[in-house]
């Protein structure tokens, strides 16, 4: 399952955490065909003096880092990014200029969960989408 970190200014991020998590998860389910019960989101809310932003960004500036086992197609990853931009803008009114997304992939053998190595566990979802 992807591990997702969301960074933003506390004053903006705290009030929208639940909705933003729901939006992100809907994108993951649609683009990567994930089950509804596979959600792992961590919010890192920062104070203004702890977050330096590029020019042209507002207090809504949000960084989304997605770490997952490698195997998804380029099309699936592009669909995920496209859906995130669209749904975050439409449902949270955060302009695409204020959203940055990065996907990190790692071999299954580098993962450990449920007491097993990622390349030895039988998942109930498909990674090769």
C-alpha atoms as a PDB file:
ATOM      1  CA  UNK A   1       0.000   0.000   0.000  1.00  0.00           C
ATOM      2  CA  UNK A   2       1.305   3.470  -0.671  1.00  0.00           C
ATOM      3  CA  UNK A   3       2.544   5.449   2.279  1.00  0.00           C
ATOM      4  CA  UNK A   4       1.495   9.056   1.745  1.00  0.00           C
ATOM      5  CA  UNK A   5       2.881  12.136   3.489  1.00  0.00           C
ATOM      6  CA  UNK A   6       1.115  15.473   3.140  1.00  0.00           C
ATOM      7  CA  UNK A   7       2.996  18.637   4.096  1.00  0.00           C
ATOM      8  CA  UNK A   8       1.486  22.080   4.471  1.00  0.00           C
ATOM      9  CA  UNK A   9       1.035  25.069   6.722  1.00  0.00           C
ATOM     10  CA  UNK A  10      -0.751  24.074   9.920  1.00  0.00           C
ATOM     11  CA  UNK A  11      -3.285  26.899   9.680  1.00  0.00           C
ATOM     12  CA  UNK A  12      -4.374  25.672   6.244  1.00  0.00           C
ATOM     13  CA  UNK A  13      -3.866  21.924   6.584  1.00  0.00           C
ATOM     14  CA  UNK A  14      -5.520  21.217   9.946  1.00  0.00           C
ATOM     15  CA  UNK A  15      -9.061  22.251   8.941  1.00  0.00           C
ATOM     16  CA  UNK A  16      -9.028  20.178   5.721  1.00  0.00           C
ATOM     17  CA  UNK A  17      -7.174  16.993   6.793  1.00  0.00           C
ATOM     18  CA  UNK A  18     -10.131  14.608   6.665  1.00  0.00           C
ATOM     19  CA  UNK A  19     -11.466  15.864   3.336  1.00  0.00           C
ATOM     20  CA  UNK A  20      -7.992  15.989   1.796  1.00  0.00           C
ATOM     21  CA  UNK A  21      -7.309  12.436   2.958  1.00  0.00           C
ATOM     22  CA  UNK A  22     -10.613  11.298   1.439  1.00  0.00           C
ATOM     23  CA  UNK A  23      -9.815  13.021  -1.862  1.00  0.00           C
ATOM     24  CA  UNK A  24      -6.301  11.577  -2.014  1.00  0.00           C
ATOM     25  CA  UNK A  25      -7.549   8.095  -1.214  1.00  0.00           C
ATOM     26  CA  UNK A  26     -10.261   8.286  -3.880  1.00  0.00           C
ATOM     27  CA  UNK A  27      -7.544   9.095  -6.418  1.00  0.00           C
ATOM     28  CA  UNK A  28      -5.378   6.183  -5.247  1.00  0.00           C
ATOM     29  CA  UNK A  29      -8.327   3.790  -5.477  1.00  0.00           C
ATOM     30  CA  UNK A  30      -9.267   4.968  -8.969  1.00  0.00           C
ATOM     31  CA  UNK A  31      -5.791   5.230 -10.482  1.00  0.00           C
ATOM     32  CA  UNK A  32      -4.074   2.300  -8.761  1.00  0.00           C
ATOM     33  CA  UNK A  33      -7.125   0.082  -8.140  1.00  0.00           C
ATOM     34  CA  UNK A  34      -6.569  -0.002  -4.393  1.00  0.00           C
ATOM     35  CA  UNK A  35      -9.134  -1.377  -1.934  1.00  0.00           C
ATOM     36  CA  UNK A  36     -10.944   1.130   0.254  1.00  0.00           C
ATOM     37  CA  UNK A  37      -9.418  -0.251   3.478  1.00  0.00           C
ATOM     38  CA  UNK A  38      -5.796   0.370   2.410  1.00  0.00           C
ATOM     39  CA  UNK A  39      -5.144   3.935   3.539  1.00  0.00           C
ATOM     40  CA  UNK A  40      -1.914   5.145   5.166  1.00  0.00           C
ATOM     41  CA  UNK A  41      -1.714   8.945   5.262  1.00  0.00           C
ATOM     42  CA  UNK A  42       0.457  11.083   7.505  1.00  0.00           C
ATOM     43  CA  UNK A  43      -0.042  14.821   7.777  1.00  0.00           C
ATOM     44  CA  UNK A  44       2.927  16.988   8.606  1.00  0.00           C
ATOM     45  CA  UNK A  45       1.602  20.402   9.570  1.00  0.00           C
ATOM     46  CA  UNK A  46       4.259  23.101   9.723  1.00  0.00           C
ATOM     47  CA  UNK A  47       4.384  26.581  11.131  1.00  0.00           C
ATOM     48  CA  UNK A  48       4.993  29.459   8.739  1.00  0.00           C
ATOM     49  CA  UNK A  49       8.672  29.802   9.676  1.00  0.00           C
ATOM     50  CA  UNK A  50       9.259  26.070   9.056  1.00  0.00           C
ATOM     51  CA  UNK A  51       8.090  26.043   5.444  1.00  0.00           C
ATOM     52  CA  UNK A  52       9.780  27.998   2.712  1.00  0.00           C
ATOM     53  CA  UNK A  53       7.785  28.100  -0.513  1.00  0.00           C
ATOM     54  CA  UNK A  54       8.625  28.875  -4.115  1.00  0.00           C
ATOM     55  CA  UNK A  55       7.502  32.252  -5.427  1.00  0.00           C
ATOM     56  CA  UNK A  56       3.898  32.474  -6.546  1.00  0.00           C
ATOM     57  CA  UNK A  57       2.500  30.039  -3.970  1.00  0.00           C
ATOM     58  CA  UNK A  58      -0.145  30.802  -1.366  1.00  0.00           C
ATOM     59  CA  UNK A  59      -0.735  29.574   2.185  1.00  0.00           C
ATOM     60  CA  UNK A  60      -2.555  26.613   0.584  1.00  0.00           C
ATOM     61  CA  UNK A  61       0.765  25.278  -0.775  1.00  0.00           C
ATOM     62  CA  UNK A  62       0.691  21.516  -0.234  1.00  0.00           C
ATOM     63  CA  UNK A  63       3.312  18.849  -0.931  1.00  0.00           C
ATOM     64  CA  UNK A  64       2.212  15.236  -1.399  1.00  0.00           C
ATOM     65  CA  UNK A  65       4.846  12.484  -1.287  1.00  0.00           C
ATOM     66  CA  UNK A  66       3.739   8.992  -2.275  1.00  0.00           C
ATOM     67  CA  UNK A  67       6.015   6.038  -1.531  1.00  0.00           C
ATOM     68  CA  UNK A  68       5.001   2.680  -2.964  1.00  0.00           C
ATOM     69  CA  UNK A  69       6.250  -0.671  -4.179  1.00  0.00           C
ATOM     70  CA  UNK A  70       7.436  -0.439  -7.764  1.00  0.00           C
ATOM     71  CA  UNK A  71       5.381  -2.068 -10.490  1.00  0.00           C
ATOM     72  CA  UNK A  72       2.772   0.476 -11.554  1.00  0.00           C
ATOM     73  CA  UNK A  73       2.719   1.560 -15.173  1.00  0.00           C
ATOM     74  CA  UNK A  74       3.629   5.074 -16.241  1.00  0.00           C
ATOM     75  CA  UNK A  75      -0.002   5.528 -17.320  1.00  0.00           C
ATOM     76  CA  UNK A  76      -1.286   4.570 -13.843  1.00  0.00           C
ATOM     77  CA  UNK A  77       1.118   6.994 -12.125  1.00  0.00           C
ATOM     78  CA  UNK A  78       0.228   9.804 -14.528  1.00  0.00           C
ATOM     79  CA  UNK A  79      -3.463   9.109 -13.957  1.00  0.00           C
ATOM     80  CA  UNK A  80      -2.896   9.343 -10.198  1.00  0.00           C
ATOM     81  CA  UNK A  81      -1.150  12.689 -10.497  1.00  0.00           C
ATOM     82  CA  UNK A  82      -3.781  14.037 -12.898  1.00  0.00           C
ATOM     83  CA  UNK A  83      -6.636  12.943 -10.601  1.00  0.00           C
ATOM     84  CA  UNK A  84      -4.940  14.505  -7.575  1.00  0.00           C
ATOM     85  CA  UNK A  85      -4.615  17.872  -9.317  1.00  0.00           C
ATOM     86  CA  UNK A  86      -8.215  17.768 -10.594  1.00  0.00           C
ATOM     87  CA  UNK A  87      -9.943  16.587  -7.435  1.00  0.00           C
ATOM     88  CA  UNK A  88      -7.952  18.724  -5.018  1.00  0.00           C
ATOM     89  CA  UNK A  89      -8.828  21.780  -7.100  1.00  0.00           C
ATOM     90  CA  UNK A  90     -12.491  20.838  -7.553  1.00  0.00           C
ATOM     91  CA  UNK A  91     -13.214  19.623  -4.023  1.00  0.00           C
ATOM     92  CA  UNK A  92     -10.882  21.752  -1.899  1.00  0.00           C
ATOM     93  CA  UNK A  93     -10.423  24.855  -4.088  1.00  0.00           C
ATOM     94  CA  UNK A  94      -6.635  24.532  -3.946  1.00  0.00           C
ATOM     95  CA  UNK A  95      -5.137  25.750  -7.200  1.00  0.00           C
ATOM     96  CA  UNK A  96      -2.854  23.356  -9.059  1.00  0.00           C
ATOM     97  CA  UNK A  97      -0.031  25.886  -8.700  1.00  0.00           C
ATOM     98  CA  UNK A  98      -0.201  25.229  -4.934  1.00  0.00           C
ATOM     99  CA  UNK A  99       0.081  21.427  -5.181  1.00  0.00           C
ATOM    100  CA  UNK A 100       3.299  19.497  -5.699  1.00  0.00           C
ATOM    101  CA  UNK A 101       3.335  15.709  -5.978  1.00  0.00           C
ATOM    102  CA  UNK A 102       6.217  13.258  -6.023  1.00  0.00           C
ATOM    103  CA  UNK A 103       6.008   9.484  -6.352  1.00  0.00           C
ATOM    104  CA  UNK A 104       8.846   7.412  -4.922  1.00  0.00           C
ATOM    105  CA  UNK A 105       9.052   3.731  -5.816  1.00  0.00           C
ATOM    106  CA  UNK A 106      11.000   1.015  -4.072  1.00  0.00           C
ATOM    107  CA  UNK A 107      11.458  -2.705  -4.828  1.00  0.00           C
ATOM    108  CA  UNK A 108       9.144  -4.998  -2.877  1.00  0.00           C
ATOM    109  CA  UNK A 109      12.132  -6.572  -1.093  1.00  0.00           C
ATOM    110  CA  UNK A 110      12.785  -3.184   0.580  1.00  0.00           C
ATOM    111  CA  UNK A 111       9.381  -3.246   2.284  1.00  0.00           C
ATOM    112  CA  UNK A 112       8.335  -4.976   5.472  1.00  0.00           C
ATOM    113  CA  UNK A 113       4.753  -5.175   6.704  1.00  0.00           C
ATOM    114  CA  UNK A 114       2.488  -7.650   8.516  1.00  0.00           C
ATOM    115  CA  UNK A 115       5.672  -9.320   9.786  1.00  0.00           C
ATOM    116  CA  UNK A 116       6.886 -10.255   6.311  1.00  0.00           C
ATOM    117  CA  UNK A 117       9.081  -8.982   3.512  1.00  0.00           C
ATOM    118  CA  UNK A 118       7.190  -7.175   0.768  1.00  0.00           C
ATOM    119  CA  UNK A 119       8.360  -9.597  -1.910  1.00  0.00           C
ATOM    120  CA  UNK A 120       7.136 -12.617   0.080  1.00  0.00           C
ATOM    121  CA  UNK A 121       3.660 -11.485   1.093  1.00  0.00           C
ATOM    122  CA  UNK A 122       0.487 -12.273  -0.849  1.00  0.00           C
ATOM    123  CA  UNK A 123      -1.420  -9.018  -1.354  1.00  0.00           C
ATOM    124  CA  UNK A 124      -5.158  -8.769  -1.874  1.00  0.00           C
ATOM    125  CA  UNK A 125      -4.685  -6.179  -4.594  1.00  0.00           C
ATOM    126  CA  UNK A 126      -2.685  -6.000  -7.808  1.00  0.00           C
ATOM    127  CA  UNK A 127       0.443  -3.855  -8.020  1.00  0.00           C
ATOM    128  CA  UNK A 128       0.935  -4.221 -11.774  1.00  0.00           C
ATOM    129  CA  UNK A 129      -1.715  -1.784 -12.995  1.00  0.00           C
END
